[in-house]
């Protein structure tokens, strides 16, 4: 018997998918990014805040970078 392990990733922005051989835990594919947004709420530090994580494909990374380039200078 043969077992083949594959890792399937989906872009949280556009829905593009990549399937690759092997187990890569919770890591996005090479060339992809994980964007984390942390929001602080009332209270001490970050413990009562919220956070959001998005895995983004290269096309969506470029869209985010272009958006931020227009805001942050």
PDB file of N, CA and C in Angstrom:
ATOM      1  N   UNK A   1       0.842  -1.170   0.000  1.00  0.00           N
ATOM      2  CA  UNK A   1       0.000   0.000   0.000  1.00  0.00           C
ATOM      3  C   UNK A   1       0.892   1.240   0.000  1.00  0.00           C
ATOM      4  N   UNK A   2       0.461   2.266  -0.742  1.00  0.00           N
ATOM      5  CA  UNK A   2       1.180   3.521  -0.824  1.00  0.00           C
ATOM      6  C   UNK A   2       0.291   4.642  -0.315  1.00  0.00           C
ATOM      7  N   UNK A   3       0.905   5.531   0.458  1.00  0.00           N
ATOM      8  CA  UNK A   3       0.178   6.693   0.960  1.00  0.00           C
ATOM      9  C   UNK A   3       0.823   7.932   0.357  1.00  0.00           C
ATOM     10  N   UNK A   4       0.014   8.805  -0.209  1.00  0.00           N
ATOM     11  CA  UNK A   4       0.510  10.051  -0.771  1.00  0.00           C
ATOM     12  C   UNK A   4      -0.125  11.207  -0.006  1.00  0.00           C
ATOM     13  N   UNK A   5       0.712  12.052   0.583  1.00  0.00           N
ATOM     14  CA  UNK A   5       0.226  13.181   1.368  1.00  0.00           C
ATOM     15  C   UNK A   5       0.334  14.439   0.516  1.00  0.00           C
ATOM     16  N   UNK A   6      -0.745  15.212   0.496  1.00  0.00           N
ATOM     17  CA  UNK A   6      -0.765  16.467  -0.245  1.00  0.00           C
ATOM     18  C   UNK A   6      -1.242  17.582   0.673  1.00  0.00           C
ATOM     19  N   UNK A   7      -0.748  18.784   0.434  1.00  0.00           N
ATOM     20  CA  UNK A   7      -1.194  19.966   1.158  1.00  0.00           C
ATOM     21  C   UNK A   7      -1.976  20.832   0.187  1.00  0.00           C
ATOM     22  N   UNK A   8      -3.165  21.206   0.579  1.00  0.00           N
ATOM     23  CA  UNK A   8      -4.050  22.013  -0.256  1.00  0.00           C
ATOM     24  C   UNK A   8      -4.208  23.384   0.395  1.00  0.00           C
ATOM     25  N   UNK A   9      -3.921  24.452  -0.348  1.00  0.00           N
ATOM     26  CA  UNK A   9      -4.047  25.815   0.175  1.00  0.00           C
ATOM     27  C   UNK A   9      -4.997  26.620  -0.698  1.00  0.00           C
ATOM     28  N   UNK A  10      -5.772  27.489  -0.050  1.00  0.00           N
ATOM     29  CA  UNK A  10      -6.707  28.360  -0.748  1.00  0.00           C
ATOM     30  C   UNK A  10      -6.454  29.799  -0.337  1.00  0.00           C
ATOM     31  N   UNK A  11      -6.354  30.700  -1.317  1.00  0.00           N
ATOM     32  CA  UNK A  11      -6.181  32.122  -1.032  1.00  0.00           C
ATOM     33  C   UNK A  11      -7.457  32.649  -0.387  1.00  0.00           C
ATOM     34  N   UNK A  12      -7.305  33.309   0.754  1.00  0.00           N
ATOM     35  CA  UNK A  12      -8.462  33.828   1.474  1.00  0.00           C
ATOM     36  C   UNK A  12      -9.059  35.068   0.826  1.00  0.00           C
ATOM     37  N   UNK A  13      -8.400  35.599  -0.192  1.00  0.00           N
ATOM     38  CA  UNK A  13      -8.905  36.785  -0.876  1.00  0.00           C
ATOM     39  C   UNK A  13      -9.643  36.424  -2.162  1.00  0.00           C
ATOM     40  N   UNK A  14      -8.996  35.695  -3.063  1.00  0.00           N
ATOM     41  CA  UNK A  14      -9.589  35.415  -4.373  1.00  0.00           C
ATOM     42  C   UNK A  14     -10.060  33.980  -4.550  1.00  0.00           C
ATOM     43  N   UNK A  15      -9.669  33.088  -3.640  1.00  0.00           N
ATOM     44  CA  UNK A  15     -10.098  31.696  -3.737  1.00  0.00           C
ATOM     45  C   UNK A  15      -9.211  30.813  -4.595  1.00  0.00           C
ATOM     46  N   UNK A  16      -8.106  31.361  -5.136  1.00  0.00           N
ATOM     47  CA  UNK A  16      -7.170  30.557  -5.924  1.00  0.00           C
ATOM     48  C   UNK A  16      -6.641  29.420  -5.048  1.00  0.00           C
ATOM     49  N   UNK A  17      -6.378  28.257  -5.652  1.00  0.00           N
ATOM     50  CA  UNK A  17      -5.919  27.107  -4.879  1.00  0.00           C
ATOM     51  C   UNK A  17      -4.612  26.557  -5.424  1.00  0.00           C
ATOM     52  N   UNK A  18      -3.854  25.942  -4.539  1.00  0.00           N
ATOM     53  CA  UNK A  18      -2.607  25.259  -4.879  1.00  0.00           C
ATOM     54  C   UNK A  18      -2.587  23.945  -4.102  1.00  0.00           C
ATOM     55  N   UNK A  19      -2.270  22.867  -4.792  1.00  0.00           N
ATOM     56  CA  UNK A  19      -2.082  21.575  -4.141  1.00  0.00           C
ATOM     57  C   UNK A  19      -0.659  21.133  -4.415  1.00  0.00           C
ATOM     58  N   UNK A  20       0.047  20.741  -3.368  1.00  0.00           N
ATOM     59  CA  UNK A  20       1.438  20.318  -3.518  1.00  0.00           C
ATOM     60  C   UNK A  20       1.680  19.051  -2.705  1.00  0.00           C
ATOM     61  N   UNK A  21       2.674  18.294  -3.117  1.00  0.00           N
ATOM     62  CA  UNK A  21       2.997  17.052  -2.431  1.00  0.00           C
ATOM     63  C   UNK A  21       3.658  17.331  -1.088  1.00  0.00           C
ATOM     64  N   UNK A  22       3.370  16.499  -0.124  1.00  0.00           N
ATOM     65  CA  UNK A  22       4.002  16.591   1.185  1.00  0.00           C
ATOM     66  C   UNK A  22       3.129  17.336   2.186  1.00  0.00           C
ATOM     67  N   UNK A  23       3.499  17.191   3.434  1.00  0.00           N
ATOM     68  CA  UNK A  23       2.802  17.854   4.530  1.00  0.00           C
ATOM     69  C   UNK A  23       3.589  19.090   4.929  1.00  0.00           C
ATOM     70  N   UNK A  24       2.942  20.222   4.951  1.00  0.00           N
ATOM     71  CA  UNK A  24       3.617  21.469   5.299  1.00  0.00           C
ATOM     72  C   UNK A  24       2.937  22.176   6.455  1.00  0.00           C
ATOM     73  N   UNK A  25       2.293  21.395   7.330  1.00  0.00           N
ATOM     74  CA  UNK A  25       1.668  21.920   8.537  1.00  0.00           C
ATOM     75  C   UNK A  25       0.715  23.056   8.189  1.00  0.00           C
ATOM     76  N   UNK A  26       0.895  24.212   8.770  1.00  0.00           N
ATOM     77  CA  UNK A  26      -0.015  25.337   8.560  1.00  0.00           C
ATOM     78  C   UNK A  26       0.653  26.440   7.746  1.00  0.00           C
ATOM     79  N   UNK A  27       1.606  26.086   6.912  1.00  0.00           N
ATOM     80  CA  UNK A  27       2.348  27.085   6.135  1.00  0.00           C
ATOM     81  C   UNK A  27       1.726  27.269   4.762  1.00  0.00           C
ATOM     82  N   UNK A  28       1.601  28.538   4.315  1.00  0.00           N
ATOM     83  CA  UNK A  28       1.151  28.751   2.946  1.00  0.00           C
ATOM     84  C   UNK A  28       2.261  28.344   1.977  1.00  0.00           C
ATOM     85  N   UNK A  29       1.943  28.183   0.698  1.00  0.00           N
ATOM     86  CA  UNK A  29       2.969  27.797  -0.278  1.00  0.00           C
ATOM     87  C   UNK A  29       4.081  28.848  -0.385  1.00  0.00           C
ATOM     88  N   UNK A  30       5.219  28.428  -0.897  1.00  0.00           N
ATOM     89  CA  UNK A  30       6.326  29.355  -1.139  1.00  0.00           C
ATOM     90  C   UNK A  30       5.831  30.431  -2.095  1.00  0.00           C
ATOM     91  N   UNK A  31       6.136  31.680  -1.798  1.00  0.00           N
ATOM     92  CA  UNK A  31       5.697  32.801  -2.618  1.00  0.00           C
ATOM     93  C   UNK A  31       4.376  33.403  -2.164  1.00  0.00           C
ATOM     94  N   UNK A  32       3.665  32.712  -1.292  1.00  0.00           N
ATOM     95  CA  UNK A  32       2.425  33.244  -0.728  1.00  0.00           C
ATOM     96  C   UNK A  32       2.762  34.007   0.553  1.00  0.00           C
ATOM     97  N   UNK A  33       1.789  34.711   1.123  1.00  0.00           N
ATOM     98  CA  UNK A  33       2.008  35.462   2.357  1.00  0.00           C
ATOM     99  C   UNK A  33       0.893  35.171   3.349  1.00  0.00           C
ATOM    100  N   UNK A  34       1.206  35.328   4.603  1.00  0.00           N
ATOM    101  CA  UNK A  34       0.187  35.289   5.651  1.00  0.00           C
ATOM    102  C   UNK A  34       0.097  36.697   6.211  1.00  0.00           C
ATOM    103  N   UNK A  35      -1.063  37.289   6.059  1.00  0.00           N
ATOM    104  CA  UNK A  35      -1.314  38.641   6.540  1.00  0.00           C
ATOM    105  C   UNK A  35      -2.065  38.540   7.857  1.00  0.00           C
ATOM    106  N   UNK A  36      -1.568  39.220   8.871  1.00  0.00           N
ATOM    107  CA  UNK A  36      -2.218  39.197  10.187  1.00  0.00           C
ATOM    108  C   UNK A  36      -2.606  40.618  10.562  1.00  0.00           C
ATOM    109  N   UNK A  37      -3.850  40.778  10.953  1.00  0.00           N
ATOM    110  CA  UNK A  37      -4.357  42.061  11.411  1.00  0.00           C
ATOM    111  C   UNK A  37      -4.761  41.893  12.865  1.00  0.00           C
ATOM    112  N   UNK A  38      -4.147  42.685  13.745  1.00  0.00           N
ATOM    113  CA  UNK A  38      -4.475  42.642  15.174  1.00  0.00           C
ATOM    114  C   UNK A  38      -5.157  43.945  15.555  1.00  0.00           C
ATOM    115  N   UNK A  39      -6.250  43.826  16.288  1.00  0.00           N
ATOM    116  CA  UNK A  39      -7.018  44.987  16.708  1.00  0.00           C
ATOM    117  C   UNK A  39      -7.063  45.018  18.224  1.00  0.00           C
ATOM    118  N   UNK A  40      -6.621  46.120  18.799  1.00  0.00           N
ATOM    119  CA  UNK A  40      -6.591  46.238  20.247  1.00  0.00           C
ATOM    120  C   UNK A  40      -7.900  46.835  20.742  1.00  0.00           C
ATOM    121  N   UNK A  41      -8.447  46.229  21.789  1.00  0.00           N
ATOM    122  CA  UNK A  41      -9.673  46.718  22.422  1.00  0.00           C
ATOM    123  C   UNK A  41      -9.334  47.253  23.805  1.00  0.00           C
ATOM    124  N   UNK A  42     -10.327  47.768  24.486  1.00  0.00           N
ATOM    125  CA  UNK A  42     -10.145  48.249  25.855  1.00  0.00           C
ATOM    126  C   UNK A  42      -9.541  47.155  26.716  1.00  0.00           C
ATOM    127  N   UNK A  43      -8.701  47.553  27.641  1.00  0.00           N
ATOM    128  CA  UNK A  43      -8.101  46.580  28.549  1.00  0.00           C
ATOM    129  C   UNK A  43      -6.589  46.622  28.442  1.00  0.00           C
ATOM    130  N   UNK A  44      -5.964  45.682  29.086  1.00  0.00           N
ATOM    131  CA  UNK A  44      -4.513  45.642  29.165  1.00  0.00           C
ATOM    132  C   UNK A  44      -3.924  44.958  27.940  1.00  0.00           C
ATOM    133  N   UNK A  45      -3.169  45.691  27.171  1.00  0.00           N
ATOM    134  CA  UNK A  45      -2.429  45.107  26.055  1.00  0.00           C
ATOM    135  C   UNK A  45      -3.321  44.524  24.980  1.00  0.00           C
ATOM    136  N   UNK A  46      -2.867  43.397  24.437  1.00  0.00           N
ATOM    137  CA  UNK A  46      -3.538  42.764  23.313  1.00  0.00           C
ATOM    138  C   UNK A  46      -4.447  41.610  23.729  1.00  0.00           C
ATOM    139  N   UNK A  47      -4.492  41.284  25.018  1.00  0.00           N
ATOM    140  CA  UNK A  47      -5.188  40.079  25.435  1.00  0.00           C
ATOM    141  C   UNK A  47      -6.687  40.113  25.167  1.00  0.00           C
ATOM    142  N   UNK A  48      -7.286  41.287  25.168  1.00  0.00           N
ATOM    143  CA  UNK A  48      -8.731  41.377  24.931  1.00  0.00           C
ATOM    144  C   UNK A  48      -9.045  41.814  23.499  1.00  0.00           C
ATOM    145  N   UNK A  49      -8.058  41.812  22.658  1.00  0.00           N
ATOM    146  CA  UNK A  49      -8.259  42.236  21.282  1.00  0.00           C
ATOM    147  C   UNK A  49      -8.718  41.096  20.399  1.00  0.00           C
ATOM    148  N   UNK A  50      -8.644  41.331  19.119  1.00  0.00           N
ATOM    149  CA  UNK A  50      -8.995  40.290  18.154  1.00  0.00           C
ATOM    150  C   UNK A  50      -7.935  40.276  17.065  1.00  0.00           C
ATOM    151  N   UNK A  51      -7.832  39.159  16.393  1.00  0.00           N
ATOM    152  CA  UNK A  51      -6.883  39.081  15.291  1.00  0.00           C
ATOM    153  C   UNK A  51      -7.490  38.267  14.158  1.00  0.00           C
ATOM    154  N   UNK A  52      -7.048  38.584  12.964  1.00  0.00           N
ATOM    155  CA  UNK A  52      -7.507  37.912  11.752  1.00  0.00           C
ATOM    156  C   UNK A  52      -6.272  37.512  10.958  1.00  0.00           C
ATOM    157  N   UNK A  53      -6.280  36.313  10.413  1.00  0.00           N
ATOM    158  CA  UNK A  53      -5.177  35.828   9.586  1.00  0.00           C
ATOM    159  C   UNK A  53      -5.713  35.472   8.206  1.00  0.00           C
ATOM    160  N   UNK A  54      -5.007  35.909   7.171  1.00  0.00           N
ATOM    161  CA  UNK A  54      -5.373  35.578   5.805  1.00  0.00           C
ATOM    162  C   UNK A  54      -4.150  35.066   5.072  1.00  0.00           C
ATOM    163  N   UNK A  55      -4.297  33.967   4.345  1.00  0.00           N
ATOM    164  CA  UNK A  55      -3.246  33.473   3.454  1.00  0.00           C
ATOM    165  C   UNK A  55      -3.546  34.036   2.071  1.00  0.00           C
ATOM    166  N   UNK A  56      -2.542  34.682   1.465  1.00  0.00           N
ATOM    167  CA  UNK A  56      -2.742  35.366   0.193  1.00  0.00           C
ATOM    168  C   UNK A  56      -1.797  34.841  -0.885  1.00  0.00           C
ATOM    169  N   UNK A  57      -2.346  34.643  -2.086  1.00  0.00           N
ATOM    170  CA  UNK A  57      -1.543  34.226  -3.236  1.00  0.00           C
ATOM    171  C   UNK A  57      -0.723  35.424  -3.745  1.00  0.00           C
ATOM    172  N   UNK A  58       0.260  35.198  -4.608  1.00  0.00           N
ATOM    173  CA  UNK A  58       1.090  36.303  -5.099  1.00  0.00           C
ATOM    174  C   UNK A  58       0.293  37.434  -5.759  1.00  0.00           C
ATOM    175  N   UNK A  59      -0.765  37.106  -6.502  1.00  0.00           N
ATOM    176  CA  UNK A  59      -1.568  38.151  -7.159  1.00  0.00           C
ATOM    177  C   UNK A  59      -2.232  39.045  -6.112  1.00  0.00           C
ATOM    178  N   UNK A  60      -2.764  38.456  -5.055  1.00  0.00           N
ATOM    179  CA  UNK A  60      -3.428  39.243  -4.015  1.00  0.00           C
ATOM    180  C   UNK A  60      -2.418  39.991  -3.144  1.00  0.00           C
ATOM    181  N   UNK A  61      -1.226  39.427  -2.968  1.00  0.00           N
ATOM    182  CA  UNK A  61      -0.165  40.152  -2.251  1.00  0.00           C
ATOM    183  C   UNK A  61       0.124  41.452  -2.986  1.00  0.00           C
ATOM    184  N   UNK A  62       0.242  41.393  -4.308  1.00  0.00           N
ATOM    185  CA  UNK A  62       0.524  42.585  -5.111  1.00  0.00           C
ATOM    186  C   UNK A  62      -0.603  43.609  -4.961  1.00  0.00           C
ATOM    187  N   UNK A  63      -1.864  43.137  -4.914  1.00  0.00           N
ATOM    188  CA  UNK A  63      -2.996  44.050  -4.737  1.00  0.00           C
ATOM    189  C   UNK A  63      -2.928  44.762  -3.391  1.00  0.00           C
ATOM    190  N   UNK A  64      -2.581  44.021  -2.336  1.00  0.00           N
ATOM    191  CA  UNK A  64      -2.466  44.618  -0.998  1.00  0.00           C
ATOM    192  C   UNK A  64      -1.302  45.602  -0.965  1.00  0.00           C
ATOM    193  N   UNK A  65      -0.167  45.228  -1.553  1.00  0.00           N
ATOM    194  CA  UNK A  65       0.983  46.121  -1.579  1.00  0.00           C
ATOM    195  C   UNK A  65       0.661  47.418  -2.321  1.00  0.00           C
ATOM    196  N   UNK A  66      -0.040  47.318  -3.452  1.00  0.00           N
ATOM    197  CA  UNK A  66      -0.420  48.518  -4.203  1.00  0.00           C
ATOM    198  C   UNK A  66      -1.382  49.384  -3.412  1.00  0.00           C
ATOM    199  N   UNK A  67      -2.315  48.757  -2.731  1.00  0.00           N
ATOM    200  CA  UNK A  67      -3.250  49.509  -1.896  1.00  0.00           C
ATOM    201  C   UNK A  67      -2.514  50.253  -0.784  1.00  0.00           C
ATOM    202  N   UNK A  68      -1.618  49.561  -0.103  1.00  0.00           N
ATOM    203  CA  UNK A  68      -0.879  50.190   0.995  1.00  0.00           C
ATOM    204  C   UNK A  68       0.091  51.253   0.499  1.00  0.00           C
ATOM    205  N   UNK A  69       0.634  51.072  -0.687  1.00  0.00           N
ATOM    206  CA  UNK A  69       1.558  52.064  -1.234  1.00  0.00           C
ATOM    207  C   UNK A  69       0.848  53.403  -1.441  1.00  0.00           C
ATOM    208  N   UNK A  70      -0.439  53.373  -1.728  1.00  0.00           N
ATOM    209  CA  UNK A  70      -1.204  54.594  -1.890  1.00  0.00           C
ATOM    210  C   UNK A  70      -1.594  55.242  -0.586  1.00  0.00           C
ATOM    211  N   UNK A  71      -1.520  54.487   0.503  1.00  0.00           N
ATOM    212  CA  UNK A  71      -1.934  54.994   1.820  1.00  0.00           C
ATOM    213  C   UNK A  71      -0.724  55.376   2.670  1.00  0.00           C
ATOM    214  N   UNK A  72       0.292  54.538   2.649  1.00  0.00           N
ATOM    215  CA  UNK A  72       1.485  54.732   3.482  1.00  0.00           C
ATOM    216  C   UNK A  72       2.599  55.285   2.612  1.00  0.00           C
ATOM    217  N   UNK A  73       3.101  56.450   2.963  1.00  0.00           N
ATOM    218  CA  UNK A  73       4.209  56.987   2.166  1.00  0.00           C
ATOM    219  C   UNK A  73       5.308  57.518   3.051  1.00  0.00           C
TER     220      UNK A  73
END
